[in-house]
C-alpha atoms as a PDB file:
ATOM      1  CA  MET A   1     154.208 111.222 148.140  1.00  0.00           C
ATOM      2  CA  SER A   2     153.630 111.723 144.479  1.00  0.00           C
ATOM      3  CA  LEU A   3     150.499 110.381 142.792  1.00  0.00           C
ATOM      4  CA  ASN A   4     150.488 108.818 139.339  1.00  0.00           C
ATOM      5  CA  ILE A   5     147.927 107.878 136.724  1.00  0.00           C
ATOM      6  CA  GLY A   6     146.500 104.481 137.666  1.00  0.00           C
ATOM      7  CA  ASP A   7     146.875 105.030 141.424  1.00  0.00           C
ATOM      8  CA  ILE A   8     143.829 104.804 143.673  1.00  0.00           C
ATOM      9  CA  ALA A   9     142.793 108.355 144.527  1.00  0.00           C
ATOM     10  CA  PRO A  10     143.378 109.048 148.230  1.00  0.00           C
ATOM     11  CA  HIS A  11     140.177 109.015 150.279  1.00  0.00           C
ATOM     12  CA  PHE A  12     139.258 112.166 152.149  1.00  0.00           C
ATOM     13  CA  THR A  13     136.462 113.679 154.174  1.00  0.00           C
ATOM     14  CA  SER A  14     136.462 117.438 154.520  1.00  0.00           C
ATOM     15  CA  LYS A  15     133.986 120.346 154.725  1.00  0.00           C
ATOM     16  CA  ASP A  16     132.220 121.999 151.806  1.00  0.00           C
ATOM     17  CA  GLN A  17     131.221 125.666 151.624  1.00  0.00           C
ATOM     18  CA  GLU A  18     128.214 125.016 153.892  1.00  0.00           C
ATOM     19  CA  GLY A  19     130.266 123.245 156.559  1.00  0.00           C
ATOM     20  CA  SER A  20     128.812 119.856 155.593  1.00  0.00           C
ATOM     21  CA  ASP A  21     130.994 116.771 155.366  1.00  0.00           C
ATOM     22  CA  ILE A  22     131.992 115.856 151.847  1.00  0.00           C
ATOM     23  CA  SER A  23     133.920 112.700 151.012  1.00  0.00           C
ATOM     24  CA  LEU A  24     135.374 111.295 147.832  1.00  0.00           C
ATOM     25  CA  SER A  25     133.429 108.102 148.618  1.00  0.00           C
ATOM     26  CA  ASP A  26     130.170 110.112 148.267  1.00  0.00           C
ATOM     27  CA  PHE A  27     130.830 109.960 144.518  1.00  0.00           C
ATOM     28  CA  SER A  28     131.703 106.277 144.233  1.00  0.00           C
ATOM     29  CA  GLY A  29     130.730 104.983 140.800  1.00  0.00           C
ATOM     30  CA  LYS A  30     130.977 108.450 139.266  1.00  0.00           C
ATOM     31  CA  LYS A  31     133.755 110.262 137.438  1.00  0.00           C
ATOM     32  CA  VAL A  32     135.194 113.145 139.474  1.00  0.00           C
ATOM     33  CA  VAL A  33     137.064 116.271 138.438  1.00  0.00           C
ATOM     34  CA  LEU A  34     138.971 117.199 141.608  1.00  0.00           C
ATOM     35  CA  TYR A  35     140.667 120.513 140.986  1.00  0.00           C
ATOM     36  CA  PHE A  36     143.024 122.284 143.382  1.00  0.00           C
ATOM     37  CA  TYR A  37     143.414 126.029 143.012  1.00  0.00           C
ATOM     38  CA  PRO A  38     145.261 128.690 145.043  1.00  0.00           C
ATOM     39  CA  LYS A  39     142.667 131.271 146.136  1.00  0.00           C
ATOM     40  CA  ASP A  40     139.073 132.359 145.699  1.00  0.00           C
ATOM     41  CA  SER A  41     138.395 135.592 143.803  1.00  0.00           C
ATOM     42  CA  THR A  42     141.835 135.913 142.218  1.00  0.00           C
ATOM     43  CA  PRO A  43     141.956 136.405 138.425  1.00  0.00           C
ATOM     44  CA  GLY A  44     143.279 132.974 137.413  1.00  0.00           C
ATOM     45  CA  CYS A  45     141.154 131.060 139.893  1.00  0.00           C
ATOM     46  CA  THR A  46     138.032 132.971 138.891  1.00  0.00           C
ATOM     47  CA  ALA A  47     138.743 132.313 135.196  1.00  0.00           C
ATOM     48  CA  GLN A  48     139.163 128.594 135.914  1.00  0.00           C
ATOM     49  CA  ALA A  49     135.995 128.321 138.030  1.00  0.00           C
ATOM     50  CA  CYS A  50     133.953 130.286 135.474  1.00  0.00           C
ATOM     51  CA  ASN A  51     135.246 128.117 132.608  1.00  0.00           C
ATOM     52  CA  LEU A  52     134.076 125.023 134.516  1.00  0.00           C
ATOM     53  CA  ARG A  53     130.756 126.771 135.289  1.00  0.00           C
ATOM     54  CA  ASP A  54     130.182 127.792 131.673  1.00  0.00           C
ATOM     55  CA  ASN A  55     130.841 124.224 130.498  1.00  0.00           C
ATOM     56  CA  TYR A  56     129.239 122.489 133.465  1.00  0.00           C
ATOM     57  CA  GLN A  57     126.476 120.865 131.408  1.00  0.00           C
ATOM     58  CA  ALA A  58     129.023 119.372 129.004  1.00  0.00           C
ATOM     59  CA  LEU A  59     130.902 117.935 132.009  1.00  0.00           C
ATOM     60  CA  LEU A  60     127.665 116.538 133.461  1.00  0.00           C
ATOM     61  CA  ASP A  61     126.751 115.070 130.066  1.00  0.00           C
ATOM     62  CA  GLN A  62     130.071 113.164 130.123  1.00  0.00           C
ATOM     63  CA  GLY A  63     129.276 111.890 133.639  1.00  0.00           C
ATOM     64  CA  TYR A  64     131.629 114.139 135.621  1.00  0.00           C
ATOM     65  CA  ILE A  65     131.138 115.558 139.100  1.00  0.00           C
ATOM     66  CA  VAL A  66     133.191 118.710 139.757  1.00  0.00           C
ATOM     67  CA  LEU A  67     134.787 119.471 143.129  1.00  0.00           C
ATOM     68  CA  GLY A  68     137.046 122.471 143.741  1.00  0.00           C
ATOM     69  CA  VAL A  69     139.570 122.531 146.590  1.00  0.00           C
ATOM     70  CA  SER A  70     141.440 125.459 148.116  1.00  0.00           C
ATOM     71  CA  THR A  71     142.624 126.499 151.552  1.00  0.00           C
ATOM     72  CA  ASP A  72     139.975 129.224 151.736  1.00  0.00           C
ATOM     73  CA  THR A  73     137.356 129.214 154.490  1.00  0.00           C
ATOM     74  CA  GLU A  74     133.761 128.092 154.096  1.00  0.00           C
ATOM     75  CA  LYS A  75     132.632 131.741 154.199  1.00  0.00           C
ATOM     76  CA  ARG A  76     135.037 132.773 151.406  1.00  0.00           C
ATOM     77  CA  HIS A  77     133.800 129.812 149.340  1.00  0.00           C
ATOM     78  CA  GLN A  78     130.178 130.886 149.890  1.00  0.00           C
ATOM     79  CA  ASN A  79     130.981 134.384 148.633  1.00  0.00           C
ATOM     80  CA  PHE A  80     132.957 133.040 145.646  1.00  0.00           C
ATOM     81  CA  ILE A  81     130.123 130.661 144.679  1.00  0.00           C
ATOM     82  CA  LYS A  82     127.470 133.366 145.032  1.00  0.00           C
ATOM     83  CA  LYS A  83     129.437 136.032 143.149  1.00  0.00           C
ATOM     84  CA  ASN A  84     130.247 133.699 140.242  1.00  0.00           C
ATOM     85  CA  GLU A  85     127.104 131.500 140.335  1.00  0.00           C
ATOM     86  CA  LEU A  86     129.149 128.315 140.605  1.00  0.00           C
ATOM     87  CA  PRO A  87     127.020 125.138 140.371  1.00  0.00           C
ATOM     88  CA  PHE A  88     129.508 122.802 142.082  1.00  0.00           C
ATOM     89  CA  PRO A  89     130.777 122.462 145.662  1.00  0.00           C
ATOM     90  CA  LEU A  90     134.057 123.872 146.933  1.00  0.00           C
ATOM     91  CA  ILE A  91     136.030 122.124 149.651  1.00  0.00           C
ATOM     92  CA  ALA A  92     137.376 124.331 152.448  1.00  0.00           C
ATOM     93  CA  ASP A  93     140.707 122.615 153.077  1.00  0.00           C
ATOM     94  CA  VAL A  94     141.877 125.152 155.663  1.00  0.00           C
ATOM     95  CA  GLU A  95     144.051 122.580 157.467  1.00  0.00           C
ATOM     96  CA  LYS A  96     145.516 121.435 154.116  1.00  0.00           C
ATOM     97  CA  ASP A  97     144.727 117.758 154.799  1.00  0.00           C
ATOM     98  CA  VAL A  98     143.384 117.089 151.284  1.00  0.00           C
ATOM     99  CA  HIS A  99     146.237 119.098 149.760  1.00  0.00           C
ATOM    100  CA  GLU A 100     148.738 116.908 151.635  1.00  0.00           C
ATOM    101  CA  LEU A 101     147.053 113.703 150.410  1.00  0.00           C
ATOM    102  CA  TYR A 102     147.264 114.888 146.799  1.00  0.00           C
ATOM    103  CA  ASP A 103     150.688 116.535 147.170  1.00  0.00           C
ATOM    104  CA  THR A 104     149.426 119.918 145.974  1.00  0.00           C
ATOM    105  CA  TRP A 105     150.778 121.966 148.941  1.00  0.00           C
ATOM    106  CA  GLN A 106     154.360 122.653 147.902  1.00  0.00           C
ATOM    107  CA  LEU A 107     157.211 125.111 148.005  1.00  0.00           C
ATOM    108  CA  LYS A 108     156.690 127.738 145.317  1.00  0.00           C
ATOM    109  CA  LYS A 109     158.808 130.624 144.030  1.00  0.00           C
ATOM    110  CA  PHE A 110     157.547 134.009 142.877  1.00  0.00           C
ATOM    111  CA  MET A 111     159.657 137.104 142.212  1.00  0.00           C
ATOM    112  CA  GLY A 112     162.601 135.635 144.083  1.00  0.00           C
ATOM    113  CA  LYS A 113     160.600 134.686 147.175  1.00  0.00           C
ATOM    114  CA  GLU A 114     159.893 131.153 148.342  1.00  0.00           C
ATOM    115  CA  TYR A 115     156.666 130.237 150.105  1.00  0.00           C
ATOM    116  CA  MET A 116     154.342 127.284 150.616  1.00  0.00           C
ATOM    117  CA  GLY A 117     151.220 127.309 148.474  1.00  0.00           C
ATOM    118  CA  THR A 118     148.775 125.389 146.329  1.00  0.00           C
ATOM    119  CA  VAL A 119     150.095 124.007 143.062  1.00  0.00           C
ATOM    120  CA  ARG A 120     147.196 124.318 140.597  1.00  0.00           C
ATOM    121  CA  THR A 121     146.465 120.701 139.647  1.00  0.00           C
ATOM    122  CA  THR A 122     143.423 118.752 138.453  1.00  0.00           C
ATOM    123  CA  PHE A 123     142.884 115.049 139.079  1.00  0.00           C
ATOM    124  CA  ILE A 124     140.445 113.139 136.900  1.00  0.00           C
ATOM    125  CA  ILE A 125     139.183 110.157 138.897  1.00  0.00           C
ATOM    126  CA  ASP A 126     137.300 107.294 137.227  1.00  0.00           C
ATOM    127  CA  GLU A 127     134.241 105.414 138.485  1.00  0.00           C
ATOM    128  CA  GLN A 128     136.443 102.860 140.291  1.00  0.00           C
ATOM    129  CA  GLY A 129     138.316 105.564 142.193  1.00  0.00           C
ATOM    130  CA  LYS A 130     141.491 105.385 140.106  1.00  0.00           C
ATOM    131  CA  ILE A 131     143.332 108.449 138.866  1.00  0.00           C
ATOM    132  CA  GLU A 132     142.686 108.572 135.136  1.00  0.00           C
ATOM    133  CA  ASP A 133     144.568 111.784 134.403  1.00  0.00           C
ATOM    134  CA  ILE A 134     146.552 114.495 136.196  1.00  0.00           C
ATOM    135  CA  ILE A 135     146.565 117.955 134.641  1.00  0.00           C
ATOM    136  CA  THR A 136     149.463 120.059 135.923  1.00  0.00           C
ATOM    137  CA  LYS A 137     149.678 122.684 133.177  1.00  0.00           C
ATOM    138  CA  VAL A 138     146.176 124.037 133.706  1.00  0.00           C
ATOM    139  CA  LYS A 139     144.851 126.526 131.177  1.00  0.00           C
ATOM    140  CA  THR A 140     142.523 128.507 133.432  1.00  0.00           C
ATOM    141  CA  LYS A 141     140.471 130.021 130.588  1.00  0.00           C
ATOM    142  CA  ASP A 142     140.101 126.723 128.712  1.00  0.00           C
ATOM    143  CA  HIS A 143     140.253 124.088 131.445  1.00  0.00           C
ATOM    144  CA  THR A 144     137.158 122.132 130.382  1.00  0.00           C
ATOM    145  CA  ALA A 145     138.742 121.386 127.008  1.00  0.00           C
ATOM    146  CA  GLN A 146     141.729 119.868 128.855  1.00  0.00           C
ATOM    147  CA  ILE A 147     139.368 117.634 130.853  1.00  0.00           C
ATOM    148  CA  LEU A 148     137.158 116.522 127.943  1.00  0.00           C
ATOM    149  CA  LYS A 149     140.026 116.056 125.434  1.00  0.00           C
END
């Protein structure tokens, strides 16, 4: 299932880094940056998270809530948040349920090998829960500029 701009963002309930339930509906009436990334503490993912952290106030000023999603565990998310002083929650989608809803768990190729993994993608969701934008060519070091364009 492929999502398109204008579609209603799929509803989910998952666990954040503290093991607490977090749902898309918790942010009803707010704009949401829902970004999927492959793995905590890797160079590209750290650059992306730190870019969002460094520009977090600008995102808040524009009314955005930021939620990161990867298949890492709650504990790995806690360490990643602490190490990089991230001000936003990370969803521990270990079972890949949220990834499946957003079609971000796909067959990938690297150095001639095929494997299943997270396709780095950001969904911008408006106050009514509709997908306003889908960013597939993410610039990890300048991601906020892509969101606030």
